[in-house]
Amino acid sequence: MILWAAKLLANLIIMGSGIMARALVQAYRQALTNASKSGVAQETMQNVVRKASKAMTETEARQILGVSEQTSWEEVLKRYDTLFERNAKSGSFYLQSKVQKAKEMLETVYRGPDPGTTG
């Protein structure tokens, strides 16, 4: 009798989990449909574009590092090292990250885009 009840309980659990899984898939599909109808997907893409537009410009990178368009890459690296170390000692992580981003931005200008990226 106990074995029969255990089998029945196991079957009910398996059937119930299958029903729940199908319901979750159906709810997810409906949520995607509703999102596309309400414009949530478009709003998300606009937010991505806004964030990308906040990327550092070449002019801003040159101002941060204090270099001009005529400055050689070696001089840019020297300036980067100096500013990065100076901000490491003073404890300004924010300025250190700005200096790092400026160097990375100018690296794409001096060396061209990374071959591993698309665009």
PDB file of N, CA and C in Angstrom:
ATOM      1  N   MET A   1       0.820  -1.194   0.000  1.00  0.00           N
ATOM      2  CA  MET A   1       0.000   0.000   0.000  1.00  0.00           C
ATOM      3  C   MET A   1       0.863   1.257   0.000  1.00  0.00           C
ATOM      4  N   ILE A   2       1.926   1.277   0.826  1.00  0.00           N
ATOM      5  CA  ILE A   2       2.813   2.445   0.899  1.00  0.00           C
ATOM      6  C   ILE A   2       3.545   2.642  -0.419  1.00  0.00           C
ATOM      7  N   LEU A   3       3.982   1.537  -1.052  1.00  0.00           N
ATOM      8  CA  LEU A   3       4.687   1.618  -2.332  1.00  0.00           C
ATOM      9  C   LEU A   3       3.784   2.206  -3.408  1.00  0.00           C
ATOM     10  N   TRP A   4       2.516   1.774  -3.409  1.00  0.00           N
ATOM     11  CA  TRP A   4       1.562   2.285  -4.389  1.00  0.00           C
ATOM     12  C   TRP A   4       1.349   3.783  -4.191  1.00  0.00           C
ATOM     13  N   ALA A   5       1.233   4.251  -2.960  1.00  0.00           N
ATOM     14  CA  ALA A   5       1.033   5.667  -2.654  1.00  0.00           C
ATOM     15  C   ALA A   5       2.261   6.480  -3.063  1.00  0.00           C
ATOM     16  N   ALA A   6       3.449   5.941  -2.865  1.00  0.00           N
ATOM     17  CA  ALA A   6       4.676   6.645  -3.250  1.00  0.00           C
ATOM     18  C   ALA A   6       4.746   6.803  -4.763  1.00  0.00           C
ATOM     19  N   LYS A   7       4.368   5.748  -5.510  1.00  0.00           N
ATOM     20  CA  LYS A   7       4.364   5.831  -6.978  1.00  0.00           C
ATOM     21  C   LYS A   7       3.348   6.873  -7.449  1.00  0.00           C
ATOM     22  N   LEU A   8       2.188   6.863  -6.835  1.00  0.00           N
ATOM     23  CA  LEU A   8       1.146   7.824  -7.193  1.00  0.00           C
ATOM     24  C   LEU A   8       1.628   9.255  -6.933  1.00  0.00           C
ATOM     25  N   LEU A   9       2.253   9.477  -5.804  1.00  0.00           N
ATOM     26  CA  LEU A   9       2.775  10.799  -5.458  1.00  0.00           C
ATOM     27  C   LEU A   9       3.862  11.238  -6.440  1.00  0.00           C
ATOM     28  N   ALA A  10       4.750  10.306  -6.787  1.00  0.00           N
ATOM     29  CA  ALA A  10       5.820  10.628  -7.747  1.00  0.00           C
ATOM     30  C   ALA A  10       5.226  10.992  -9.101  1.00  0.00           C
ATOM     31  N   ASN A  11       4.229  10.252  -9.567  1.00  0.00           N
ATOM     32  CA  ASN A  11       3.572  10.553 -10.848  1.00  0.00           C
ATOM     33  C   ASN A  11       2.899  11.923 -10.819  1.00  0.00           C
ATOM     34  N   LEU A  12       2.248  12.234  -9.716  1.00  0.00           N
ATOM     35  CA  LEU A  12       1.598  13.544  -9.590  1.00  0.00           C
ATOM     36  C   LEU A  12       2.616  14.684  -9.629  1.00  0.00           C
ATOM     37  N   ILE A  13       3.734  14.489  -8.972  1.00  0.00           N
ATOM     38  CA  ILE A  13       4.788  15.523  -8.978  1.00  0.00           C
ATOM     39  C   ILE A  13       5.344  15.716 -10.380  1.00  0.00           C
ATOM     40  N   ILE A  14       5.597  14.629 -11.093  1.00  0.00           N
ATOM     41  CA  ILE A  14       6.128  14.720 -12.451  1.00  0.00           C
ATOM     42  C   ILE A  14       5.131  15.397 -13.375  1.00  0.00           C
ATOM     43  N   MET A  15       3.862  14.998 -13.292  1.00  0.00           N
ATOM     44  CA  MET A  15       2.838  15.618 -14.135  1.00  0.00           C
ATOM     45  C   MET A  15       2.695  17.104 -13.799  1.00  0.00           C
ATOM     46  N   GLY A  16       2.704  17.415 -12.529  1.00  0.00           N
ATOM     47  CA  GLY A  16       2.559  18.801 -12.105  1.00  0.00           C
ATOM     48  C   GLY A  16       3.718  19.670 -12.573  1.00  0.00           C
ATOM     49  N   SER A  17       4.937  19.130 -12.514  1.00  0.00           N
ATOM     50  CA  SER A  17       6.088  19.930 -12.961  1.00  0.00           C
ATOM     51  C   SER A  17       6.044  20.135 -14.471  1.00  0.00           C
ATOM     52  N   GLY A  18       5.543  19.153 -15.218  1.00  0.00           N
ATOM     53  CA  GLY A  18       5.394  19.319 -16.667  1.00  0.00           C
ATOM     54  C   GLY A  18       4.389  20.404 -16.995  1.00  0.00           C
ATOM     55  N   ILE A  19       3.291  20.412 -16.274  1.00  0.00           N
ATOM     56  CA  ILE A  19       2.260  21.438 -16.482  1.00  0.00           C
ATOM     57  C   ILE A  19       2.819  22.820 -16.146  1.00  0.00           C
ATOM     58  N   MET A  20       3.562  22.913 -15.058  1.00  0.00           N
ATOM     59  CA  MET A  20       4.169  24.197 -14.653  1.00  0.00           C
ATOM     60  C   MET A  20       5.176  24.683 -15.684  1.00  0.00           C
ATOM     61  N   ALA A  21       5.972  23.769 -16.226  1.00  0.00           N
ATOM     62  CA  ALA A  21       6.972  24.151 -17.228  1.00  0.00           C
ATOM     63  C   ALA A  21       6.289  24.707 -18.469  1.00  0.00           C
ATOM     64  N   ARG A  22       5.232  24.033 -18.932  1.00  0.00           N
ATOM     65  CA  ARG A  22       4.510  24.536 -20.114  1.00  0.00           C
ATOM     66  C   ARG A  22       3.879  25.899 -19.834  1.00  0.00           C
ATOM     67  N   ALA A  23       3.358  26.086 -18.635  1.00  0.00           N
ATOM     68  CA  ALA A  23       2.747  27.366 -18.278  1.00  0.00           C
ATOM     69  C   ALA A  23       3.795  28.478 -18.245  1.00  0.00           C
ATOM     70  N   LEU A  24       4.971  28.175 -17.727  1.00  0.00           N
ATOM     71  CA  LEU A  24       6.040  29.188 -17.695  1.00  0.00           C
ATOM     72  C   LEU A  24       6.476  29.581 -19.100  1.00  0.00           C
ATOM     73  N   VAL A  25       6.620  28.601 -19.990  1.00  0.00           N
ATOM     74  CA  VAL A  25       7.001  28.897 -21.373  1.00  0.00           C
ATOM     75  C   VAL A  25       5.938  29.756 -22.037  1.00  0.00           C
ATOM     76  N   GLN A  26       4.679  29.407 -21.834  1.00  0.00           N
ATOM     77  CA  GLN A  26       3.584  30.182 -22.421  1.00  0.00           C
ATOM     78  C   GLN A  26       3.573  31.610 -21.864  1.00  0.00           C
ATOM     79  N   ALA A  27       3.791  31.765 -20.568  1.00  0.00           N
ATOM     80  CA  ALA A  27       3.811  33.096 -19.959  1.00  0.00           C
ATOM     81  C   ALA A  27       4.978  33.922 -20.495  1.00  0.00           C
ATOM     82  N   TYR A  28       6.125  33.299 -20.693  1.00  0.00           N
ATOM     83  CA  TYR A  28       7.286  34.004 -21.242  1.00  0.00           C
ATOM     84  C   TYR A  28       6.998  34.486 -22.660  1.00  0.00           C
ATOM     85  N   ARG A  29       6.402  33.619 -23.468  1.00  0.00           N
ATOM     86  CA  ARG A  29       6.046  34.021 -24.841  1.00  0.00           C
ATOM     87  C   ARG A  29       5.066  35.194 -24.836  1.00  0.00           C
ATOM     88  N   GLN A  30       4.096  35.139 -23.942  1.00  0.00           N
ATOM     89  CA  GLN A  30       3.122  36.218 -23.849  1.00  0.00           C
ATOM     90  C   GLN A  30       3.785  37.515 -23.400  1.00  0.00           C
ATOM     91  N   ALA A  31       4.722  37.412 -22.466  1.00  0.00           N
ATOM     92  CA  ALA A  31       5.444  38.605 -22.001  1.00  0.00           C
ATOM     93  C   ALA A  31       6.241  39.228 -23.137  1.00  0.00           C
ATOM     94  N   LEU A  32       6.874  38.410 -23.969  1.00  0.00           N
ATOM     95  CA  LEU A  32       7.615  38.933 -25.121  1.00  0.00           C
ATOM     96  C   LEU A  32       6.681  39.628 -26.104  1.00  0.00           C
ATOM     97  N   THR A  33       5.527  39.023 -26.340  1.00  0.00           N
ATOM     98  CA  THR A  33       4.541  39.623 -27.246  1.00  0.00           C
ATOM     99  C   THR A  33       4.066  40.964 -26.702  1.00  0.00           C
ATOM    100  N   ASN A  34       3.755  41.002 -25.408  1.00  0.00           N
ATOM    101  CA  ASN A  34       3.297  42.251 -24.792  1.00  0.00           C
ATOM    102  C   ASN A  34       4.384  43.321 -24.819  1.00  0.00           C
ATOM    103  N   ALA A  35       5.614  42.922 -24.598  1.00  0.00           N
ATOM    104  CA  ALA A  35       6.722  43.886 -24.601  1.00  0.00           C
ATOM    105  C   ALA A  35       6.897  44.502 -25.977  1.00  0.00           C
ATOM    106  N   SER A  36       6.779  43.690 -27.030  1.00  0.00           N
ATOM    107  CA  SER A  36       6.949  44.238 -28.372  1.00  0.00           C
ATOM    108  C   SER A  36       5.786  45.151 -28.745  1.00  0.00           C
ATOM    109  N   LYS A  37       4.590  44.850 -28.238  1.00  0.00           N
ATOM    110  CA  LYS A  37       3.430  45.699 -28.522  1.00  0.00           C
ATOM    111  C   LYS A  37       3.500  47.030 -27.779  1.00  0.00           C
ATOM    112  N   SER A  38       4.028  47.003 -26.561  1.00  0.00           N
ATOM    113  CA  SER A  38       4.045  48.217 -25.742  1.00  0.00           C
ATOM    114  C   SER A  38       5.254  49.107 -25.997  1.00  0.00           C
ATOM    115  N   GLY A  39       6.210  48.621 -26.779  1.00  0.00           N
ATOM    116  CA  GLY A  39       7.371  49.445 -27.080  1.00  0.00           C
ATOM    117  C   GLY A  39       8.499  49.313 -26.078  1.00  0.00           C
ATOM    118  N   VAL A  40       8.418  48.354 -25.163  1.00  0.00           N
ATOM    119  CA  VAL A  40       9.483  48.160 -24.181  1.00  0.00           C
ATOM    120  C   VAL A  40      10.777  47.798 -24.879  1.00  0.00           C
ATOM    121  N   ALA A  41      10.692  46.963 -25.911  1.00  0.00           N
ATOM    122  CA  ALA A  41      11.891  46.557 -26.642  1.00  0.00           C
ATOM    123  C   ALA A  41      12.548  47.778 -27.303  1.00  0.00           C
ATOM    124  N   GLN A  42      11.730  48.666 -27.878  1.00  0.00           N
ATOM    125  CA  GLN A  42      12.276  49.869 -28.516  1.00  0.00           C
ATOM    126  C   GLN A  42      12.907  50.783 -27.481  1.00  0.00           C
ATOM    127  N   GLU A  43      12.290  50.910 -26.322  1.00  0.00           N
ATOM    128  CA  GLU A  43      12.832  51.749 -25.255  1.00  0.00           C
ATOM    129  C   GLU A  43      14.176  51.206 -24.773  1.00  0.00           C
ATOM    130  N   THR A  44      14.278  49.897 -24.675  1.00  0.00           N
ATOM    131  CA  THR A  44      15.536  49.279 -24.257  1.00  0.00           C
ATOM    132  C   THR A  44      16.637  49.590 -25.265  1.00  0.00           C
ATOM    133  N   MET A  45      16.330  49.488 -26.544  1.00  0.00           N
ATOM    134  CA  MET A  45      17.334  49.796 -27.574  1.00  0.00           C
ATOM    135  C   MET A  45      17.744  51.262 -27.507  1.00  0.00           C
ATOM    136  N   GLN A  46      16.806  52.155 -27.240  1.00  0.00           N
ATOM    137  CA  GLN A  46      17.139  53.574 -27.123  1.00  0.00           C
ATOM    138  C   GLN A  46      18.069  53.811 -25.941  1.00  0.00           C
ATOM    139  N   ASN A  47      17.859  53.084 -24.844  1.00  0.00           N
ATOM    140  CA  ASN A  47      18.747  53.213 -23.686  1.00  0.00           C
ATOM    141  C   ASN A  47      20.146  52.734 -24.024  1.00  0.00           C
ATOM    142  N   VAL A  48      20.256  51.672 -24.809  1.00  0.00           N
ATOM    143  CA  VAL A  48      21.568  51.168 -25.224  1.00  0.00           C
ATOM    144  C   VAL A  48      22.275  52.217 -26.072  1.00  0.00           C
ATOM    145  N   VAL A  49      21.549  52.841 -26.982  1.00  0.00           N
ATOM    146  CA  VAL A  49      22.140  53.872 -27.839  1.00  0.00           C
ATOM    147  C   VAL A  49      22.593  55.057 -26.999  1.00  0.00           C
ATOM    148  N   ARG A  50      21.794  55.444 -26.003  1.00  0.00           N
ATOM    149  CA  ARG A  50      22.179  56.564 -25.134  1.00  0.00           C
ATOM    150  C   ARG A  50      23.465  56.263 -24.377  1.00  0.00           C
ATOM    151  N   LYS A  51      23.581  55.047 -23.864  1.00  0.00           N
ATOM    152  CA  LYS A  51      24.791  54.670 -23.132  1.00  0.00           C
ATOM    153  C   LYS A  51      25.996  54.673 -24.057  1.00  0.00           C
ATOM    154  N   ALA A  52      25.827  54.191 -25.281  1.00  0.00           N
ATOM    155  CA  ALA A  52      26.936  54.163 -26.231  1.00  0.00           C
ATOM    156  C   ALA A  52      27.361  55.579 -26.607  1.00  0.00           C
ATOM    157  N   SER A  53      26.408  56.515 -26.633  1.00  0.00           N
ATOM    158  CA  SER A  53      26.756  57.881 -27.005  1.00  0.00           C
ATOM    159  C   SER A  53      27.546  58.583 -25.906  1.00  0.00           C
ATOM    160  N   LYS A  54      27.565  58.004 -24.694  1.00  0.00           N
ATOM    161  CA  LYS A  54      28.335  58.575 -23.609  1.00  0.00           C
ATOM    162  C   LYS A  54      29.791  58.114 -23.639  1.00  0.00           C
ATOM    163  N   ALA A  55      30.168  57.381 -24.678  1.00  0.00           N
ATOM    164  CA  ALA A  55      31.546  56.910 -24.802  1.00  0.00           C
ATOM    165  C   ALA A  55      32.466  58.119 -24.959  1.00  0.00           C
ATOM    166  N   MET A  56      33.696  57.957 -24.519  1.00  0.00           N
ATOM    167  CA  MET A  56      34.664  59.046 -24.551  1.00  0.00           C
ATOM    168  C   MET A  56      35.053  59.383 -25.986  1.00  0.00           C
ATOM    169  N   THR A  57      35.109  60.671 -26.279  1.00  0.00           N
ATOM    170  CA  THR A  57      35.517  61.113 -27.606  1.00  0.00           C
ATOM    171  C   THR A  57      37.032  61.268 -27.647  1.00  0.00           C
ATOM    172  N   GLU A  58      37.566  61.361 -28.850  1.00  0.00           N
ATOM    173  CA  GLU A  58      39.012  61.550 -29.009  1.00  0.00           C
ATOM    174  C   GLU A  58      39.446  62.872 -28.380  1.00  0.00           C
ATOM    175  N   THR A  59      38.649  63.914 -28.574  1.00  0.00           N
ATOM    176  CA  THR A  59      38.981  65.223 -28.008  1.00  0.00           C
ATOM    177  C   THR A  59      39.046  65.166 -26.487  1.00  0.00           C
ATOM    178  N   GLU A  60      38.047  64.501 -25.873  1.00  0.00           N
ATOM    179  CA  GLU A  60      38.033  64.382 -24.422  1.00  0.00           C
ATOM    180  C   GLU A  60      39.231  63.574 -23.931  1.00  0.00           C
ATOM    181  N   ALA A  61      39.560  62.500 -24.647  1.00  0.00           N
ATOM    182  CA  ALA A  61      40.705  61.678 -24.259  1.00  0.00           C
ATOM    183  C   ALA A  61      42.003  62.480 -24.319  1.00  0.00           C
ATOM    184  N   ARG A  62      42.150  63.288 -25.354  1.00  0.00           N
ATOM    185  CA  ARG A  62      43.358  64.118 -25.485  1.00  0.00           C
ATOM    186  C   ARG A  62      43.421  65.165 -24.369  1.00  0.00           C
ATOM    187  N   GLN A  63      42.273  65.718 -23.999  1.00  0.00           N
ATOM    188  CA  GLN A  63      42.251  66.701 -22.909  1.00  0.00           C
ATOM    189  C   GLN A  63      42.627  66.059 -21.583  1.00  0.00           C
ATOM    190  N   ILE A  64      42.127  64.855 -21.334  1.00  0.00           N
ATOM    191  CA  ILE A  64      42.430  64.178 -20.078  1.00  0.00           C
ATOM    192  C   ILE A  64      43.921  63.892 -19.960  1.00  0.00           C
ATOM    193  N   LEU A  65      44.517  63.409 -21.051  1.00  0.00           N
ATOM    194  CA  LEU A  65      45.940  63.073 -21.016  1.00  0.00           C
ATOM    195  C   LEU A  65      46.840  64.280 -21.291  1.00  0.00           C
ATOM    196  N   GLY A  66      46.255  65.379 -21.736  1.00  0.00           N
ATOM    197  CA  GLY A  66      47.038  66.583 -22.011  1.00  0.00           C
ATOM    198  C   GLY A  66      47.954  66.424 -23.205  1.00  0.00           C
ATOM    199  N   VAL A  67      47.448  65.817 -24.268  1.00  0.00           N
ATOM    200  CA  VAL A  67      48.237  65.614 -25.485  1.00  0.00           C
ATOM    201  C   VAL A  67      47.500  66.220 -26.678  1.00  0.00           C
ATOM    202  N   SER A  68      48.242  66.457 -27.750  1.00  0.00           N
ATOM    203  CA  SER A  68      47.636  67.020 -28.962  1.00  0.00           C
ATOM    204  C   SER A  68      47.626  65.957 -30.057  1.00  0.00           C
ATOM    205  N   GLU A  69      47.092  66.322 -31.201  1.00  0.00           N
ATOM    206  CA  GLU A  69      47.038  65.385 -32.327  1.00  0.00           C
ATOM    207  C   GLU A  69      48.429  65.083 -32.867  1.00  0.00           C
ATOM    208  N   GLN A  70      49.393  65.974 -32.629  1.00  0.00           N
ATOM    209  CA  GLN A  70      50.750  65.765 -33.113  1.00  0.00           C
ATOM    210  C   GLN A  70      51.599  64.923 -32.160  1.00  0.00           C
ATOM    211  N   THR A  71      51.099  64.629 -30.989  1.00  0.00           N
ATOM    212  CA  THR A  71      51.845  63.872 -29.996  1.00  0.00           C
ATOM    213  C   THR A  71      52.021  62.428 -30.461  1.00  0.00           C
ATOM    214  N   SER A  72      53.238  61.896 -30.309  1.00  0.00           N
ATOM    215  CA  SER A  72      53.505  60.507 -30.706  1.00  0.00           C
ATOM    216  C   SER A  72      52.881  59.549 -29.701  1.00  0.00           C
ATOM    217  N   TRP A  73      52.714  58.305 -30.139  1.00  0.00           N
ATOM    218  CA  TRP A  73      52.121  57.292 -29.270  1.00  0.00           C
ATOM    219  C   TRP A  73      52.999  57.052 -28.046  1.00  0.00           C
ATOM    220  N   GLU A  74      54.309  57.105 -28.221  1.00  0.00           N
ATOM    221  CA  GLU A  74      55.222  56.910 -27.094  1.00  0.00           C
ATOM    222  C   GLU A  74      55.027  57.997 -26.045  1.00  0.00           C
ATOM    223  N   GLU A  75      54.820  59.234 -26.484  1.00  0.00           N
ATOM    224  CA  GLU A  75      54.576  60.329 -25.554  1.00  0.00           C
ATOM    225  C   GLU A  75      53.224  60.171 -24.856  1.00  0.00           C
ATOM    226  N   VAL A  76      52.239  59.686 -25.601  1.00  0.00           N
ATOM    227  CA  VAL A  76      50.924  59.429 -25.002  1.00  0.00           C
ATOM    228  C   VAL A  76      51.070  58.399 -23.882  1.00  0.00           C
ATOM    229  N   LEU A  77      51.838  57.337 -24.139  1.00  0.00           N
ATOM    230  CA  LEU A  77      52.047  56.299 -23.126  1.00  0.00           C
ATOM    231  C   LEU A  77      52.792  56.836 -21.908  1.00  0.00           C
ATOM    232  N   LYS A  78      53.785  57.706 -22.135  1.00  0.00           N
ATOM    233  CA  LYS A  78      54.513  58.304 -21.014  1.00  0.00           C
ATOM    234  C   LYS A  78      53.565  59.158 -20.166  1.00  0.00           C
ATOM    235  N   ARG A  79      52.751  59.942 -20.837  1.00  0.00           N
ATOM    236  CA  ARG A  79      51.796  60.806 -20.133  1.00  0.00           C
ATOM    237  C   ARG A  79      50.786  59.964 -19.352  1.00  0.00           C
ATOM    238  N   TYR A  80      50.318  58.881 -19.992  1.00  0.00           N
ATOM    239  CA  TYR A  80      49.386  57.957 -19.334  1.00  0.00           C
ATOM    240  C   TYR A  80      50.021  57.385 -18.068  1.00  0.00           C
ATOM    241  N   ASP A  81      51.256  56.867 -18.195  1.00  0.00           N
ATOM    242  CA  ASP A  81      51.931  56.260 -17.040  1.00  0.00           C
ATOM    243  C   ASP A  81      52.059  57.256 -15.892  1.00  0.00           C
ATOM    244  N   THR A  82      52.451  58.474 -16.215  1.00  0.00           N
ATOM    245  CA  THR A  82      52.621  59.502 -15.189  1.00  0.00           C
ATOM    246  C   THR A  82      51.308  59.789 -14.467  1.00  0.00           C
ATOM    247  N   LEU A  83      50.250  60.031 -15.239  1.00  0.00           N
ATOM    248  CA  LEU A  83      48.959  60.366 -14.636  1.00  0.00           C
ATOM    249  C   LEU A  83      48.360  59.178 -13.878  1.00  0.00           C
ATOM    250  N   PHE A  84      48.521  57.987 -14.414  1.00  0.00           N
ATOM    251  CA  PHE A  84      47.964  56.806 -13.764  1.00  0.00           C
ATOM    252  C   PHE A  84      48.632  56.579 -12.414  1.00  0.00           C
ATOM    253  N   GLU A  85      49.960  56.687 -12.382  1.00  0.00           N
ATOM    254  CA  GLU A  85      50.700  56.491 -11.123  1.00  0.00           C
ATOM    255  C   GLU A  85      50.384  57.605 -10.122  1.00  0.00           C
ATOM    256  N   ARG A  86      50.294  58.828 -10.601  1.00  0.00           N
ATOM    257  CA  ARG A  86      49.989  59.947  -9.723  1.00  0.00           C
ATOM    258  C   ARG A  86      48.631  59.757  -9.047  1.00  0.00           C
ATOM    259  N   ASN A  87      47.647  59.289  -9.810  1.00  0.00           N
ATOM    260  CA  ASN A  87      46.311  59.080  -9.243  1.00  0.00           C
ATOM    261  C   ASN A  87      46.251  57.808  -8.404  1.00  0.00           C
ATOM    262  N   ALA A  88      47.138  56.858  -8.658  1.00  0.00           N
ATOM    263  CA  ALA A  88      47.196  55.660  -7.824  1.00  0.00           C
ATOM    264  C   ALA A  88      47.685  56.032  -6.426  1.00  0.00           C
ATOM    265  N   LYS A  89      48.624  56.963  -6.344  1.00  0.00           N
ATOM    266  CA  LYS A  89      49.173  57.387  -5.052  1.00  0.00           C
ATOM    267  C   LYS A  89      48.172  58.229  -4.268  1.00  0.00           C
ATOM    268  N   SER A  90      47.429  59.072  -4.973  1.00  0.00           N
ATOM    269  CA  SER A  90      46.478  59.947  -4.277  1.00  0.00           C
ATOM    270  C   SER A  90      45.171  59.229  -3.943  1.00  0.00           C
ATOM    271  N   GLY A  91      44.977  58.045  -4.508  1.00  0.00           N
ATOM    272  CA  GLY A  91      43.794  57.260  -4.177  1.00  0.00           C
ATOM    273  C   GLY A  91      42.545  57.639  -4.950  1.00  0.00           C
ATOM    274  N   SER A  92      42.679  58.326  -6.088  1.00  0.00           N
ATOM    275  CA  SER A  92      41.509  58.702  -6.869  1.00  0.00           C
ATOM    276  C   SER A  92      41.253  57.658  -7.951  1.00  0.00           C
ATOM    277  N   PHE A  93      40.435  56.679  -7.607  1.00  0.00           N
ATOM    278  CA  PHE A  93      40.102  55.621  -8.562  1.00  0.00           C
ATOM    279  C   PHE A  93      39.337  56.186  -9.756  1.00  0.00           C
ATOM    280  N   TYR A  94      38.478  57.164  -9.524  1.00  0.00           N
ATOM    281  CA  TYR A  94      37.695  57.767 -10.608  1.00  0.00           C
ATOM    282  C   TYR A  94      38.615  58.375 -11.661  1.00  0.00           C
ATOM    283  N   LEU A  95      39.575  59.192 -11.210  1.00  0.00           N
ATOM    284  CA  LEU A  95      40.497  59.810 -12.168  1.00  0.00           C
ATOM    285  C   LEU A  95      41.373  58.764 -12.840  1.00  0.00           C
ATOM    286  N   GLN A  96      41.758  57.768 -12.087  1.00  0.00           N
ATOM    287  CA  GLN A  96      42.561  56.689 -12.649  1.00  0.00           C
ATOM    288  C   GLN A  96      41.792  55.976 -13.769  1.00  0.00           C
ATOM    289  N   SER A  97      40.517  55.745 -13.558  1.00  0.00           N
ATOM    290  CA  SER A  97      39.723  55.076 -14.589  1.00  0.00           C
ATOM    291  C   SER A  97      39.526  55.974 -15.806  1.00  0.00           C
ATOM    292  N   LYS A  98      39.404  57.275 -15.590  1.00  0.00           N
ATOM    293  CA  LYS A  98      39.288  58.211 -16.723  1.00  0.00           C
ATOM    294  C   LYS A  98      40.572  58.199 -17.553  1.00  0.00           C
ATOM    295  N   VAL A  99      41.716  58.184 -16.881  1.00  0.00           N
ATOM    296  CA  VAL A  99      43.010  58.145 -17.574  1.00  0.00           C
ATOM    297  C   VAL A  99      43.122  56.842 -18.369  1.00  0.00           C
ATOM    298  N   GLN A 100      42.692  55.739 -17.777  1.00  0.00           N
ATOM    299  CA  GLN A 100      42.729  54.437 -18.451  1.00  0.00           C
ATOM    300  C   GLN A 100      41.843  54.445 -19.692  1.00  0.00           C
ATOM    301  N   LYS A 101      40.625  54.962 -19.560  1.00  0.00           N
ATOM    302  CA  LYS A 101      39.706  55.010 -20.703  1.00  0.00           C
ATOM    303  C   LYS A 101      40.231  55.929 -21.796  1.00  0.00           C
ATOM    304  N   ALA A 102      40.876  57.022 -21.400  1.00  0.00           N
ATOM    305  CA  ALA A 102      41.447  57.938 -22.387  1.00  0.00           C
ATOM    306  C   ALA A 102      42.541  57.240 -23.185  1.00  0.00           C
ATOM    307  N   LYS A 103      43.398  56.496 -22.485  1.00  0.00           N
ATOM    308  CA  LYS A 103      44.466  55.764 -23.182  1.00  0.00           C
ATOM    309  C   LYS A 103      43.871  54.732 -24.136  1.00  0.00           C
ATOM    310  N   GLU A 104      42.863  53.991 -23.676  1.00  0.00           N
ATOM    311  CA  GLU A 104      42.237  52.982 -24.527  1.00  0.00           C
ATOM    312  C   GLU A 104      41.600  53.612 -25.756  1.00  0.00           C
ATOM    313  N   MET A 105      40.973  54.772 -25.584  1.00  0.00           N
ATOM    314  CA  MET A 105      40.345  55.448 -26.716  1.00  0.00           C
ATOM    315  C   MET A 105      41.402  55.879 -27.726  1.00  0.00           C
ATOM    316  N   LEU A 106      42.478  56.487 -27.234  1.00  0.00           N
ATOM    317  CA  LEU A 106      43.529  56.962 -28.142  1.00  0.00           C
ATOM    318  C   LEU A 106      44.283  55.797 -28.784  1.00  0.00           C
ATOM    319  N   GLU A 107      44.311  54.675 -28.113  1.00  0.00           N
ATOM    320  CA  GLU A 107      44.953  53.493 -28.693  1.00  0.00           C
ATOM    321  C   GLU A 107      44.243  53.087 -29.975  1.00  0.00           C
ATOM    322  N   THR A 108      42.916  53.211 -30.004  1.00  0.00           N
ATOM    323  CA  THR A 108      42.174  52.878 -31.222  1.00  0.00           C
ATOM    324  C   THR A 108      42.483  53.872 -32.328  1.00  0.00           C
ATOM    325  N   VAL A 109      42.797  55.117 -31.950  1.00  0.00           N
ATOM    326  CA  VAL A 109      43.127  56.130 -32.954  1.00  0.00           C
ATOM    327  C   VAL A 109      44.519  55.869 -33.530  1.00  0.00           C
ATOM    328  N   TYR A 110      45.484  55.602 -32.662  1.00  0.00           N
ATOM    329  CA  TYR A 110      46.860  55.421 -33.100  1.00  0.00           C
ATOM    330  C   TYR A 110      47.103  54.068 -33.767  1.00  0.00           C
ATOM    331  N   ARG A 111      46.450  53.036 -33.276  1.00  0.00           N
ATOM    332  CA  ARG A 111      46.716  51.692 -33.783  1.00  0.00           C
ATOM    333  C   ARG A 111      45.588  51.138 -34.629  1.00  0.00           C
ATOM    334  N   GLY A 112      44.489  51.855 -34.735  1.00  0.00           N
ATOM    335  CA  GLY A 112      43.334  51.362 -35.486  1.00  0.00           C
ATOM    336  C   GLY A 112      42.458  50.504 -34.599  1.00  0.00           C
ATOM    337  N   PRO A 113      41.256  50.183 -35.068  1.00  0.00           N
ATOM    338  CA  PRO A 113      40.344  49.379 -34.262  1.00  0.00           C
ATOM    339  C   PRO A 113      40.893  47.973 -34.056  1.00  0.00           C
ATOM    340  N   ASP A 114      40.491  47.376 -32.941  1.00  0.00           N
ATOM    341  CA  ASP A 114      40.901  46.023 -32.599  1.00  0.00           C
ATOM    342  C   ASP A 114      40.347  45.051 -33.641  1.00  0.00           C
ATOM    343  N   PRO A 115      41.193  44.207 -34.242  1.00  0.00           N
ATOM    344  CA  PRO A 115      40.691  43.280 -35.264  1.00  0.00           C
ATOM    345  C   PRO A 115      39.687  42.274 -34.726  1.00  0.00           C
ATOM    346  N   GLY A 116      39.624  42.097 -33.414  1.00  0.00           N
ATOM    347  CA  GLY A 116      38.679  41.153 -32.832  1.00  0.00           C
ATOM    348  C   GLY A 116      37.275  41.709 -32.713  1.00  0.00           C
ATOM    349  N   THR A 117      37.094  43.014 -32.963  1.00  0.00           N
ATOM    350  CA  THR A 117      35.767  43.619 -32.836  1.00  0.00           C
ATOM    351  C   THR A 117      35.154  43.826 -34.214  1.00  0.00           C
ATOM    352  N   THR A 118      33.843  43.924 -34.230  1.00  0.00           N
ATOM    353  CA  THR A 118      33.143  44.194 -35.484  1.00  0.00           C
ATOM    354  C   THR A 118      32.587  45.601 -35.441  1.00  0.00           C
ATOM    355  N   GLY A 119      32.342  46.138 -36.603  1.00  0.00           N
ATOM    356  CA  GLY A 119      31.727  47.450 -36.599  1.00  0.00           C
ATOM    357  C   GLY A 119      32.417  48.292 -37.522  1.00  0.00           C
TER     358      GLY A 119
END
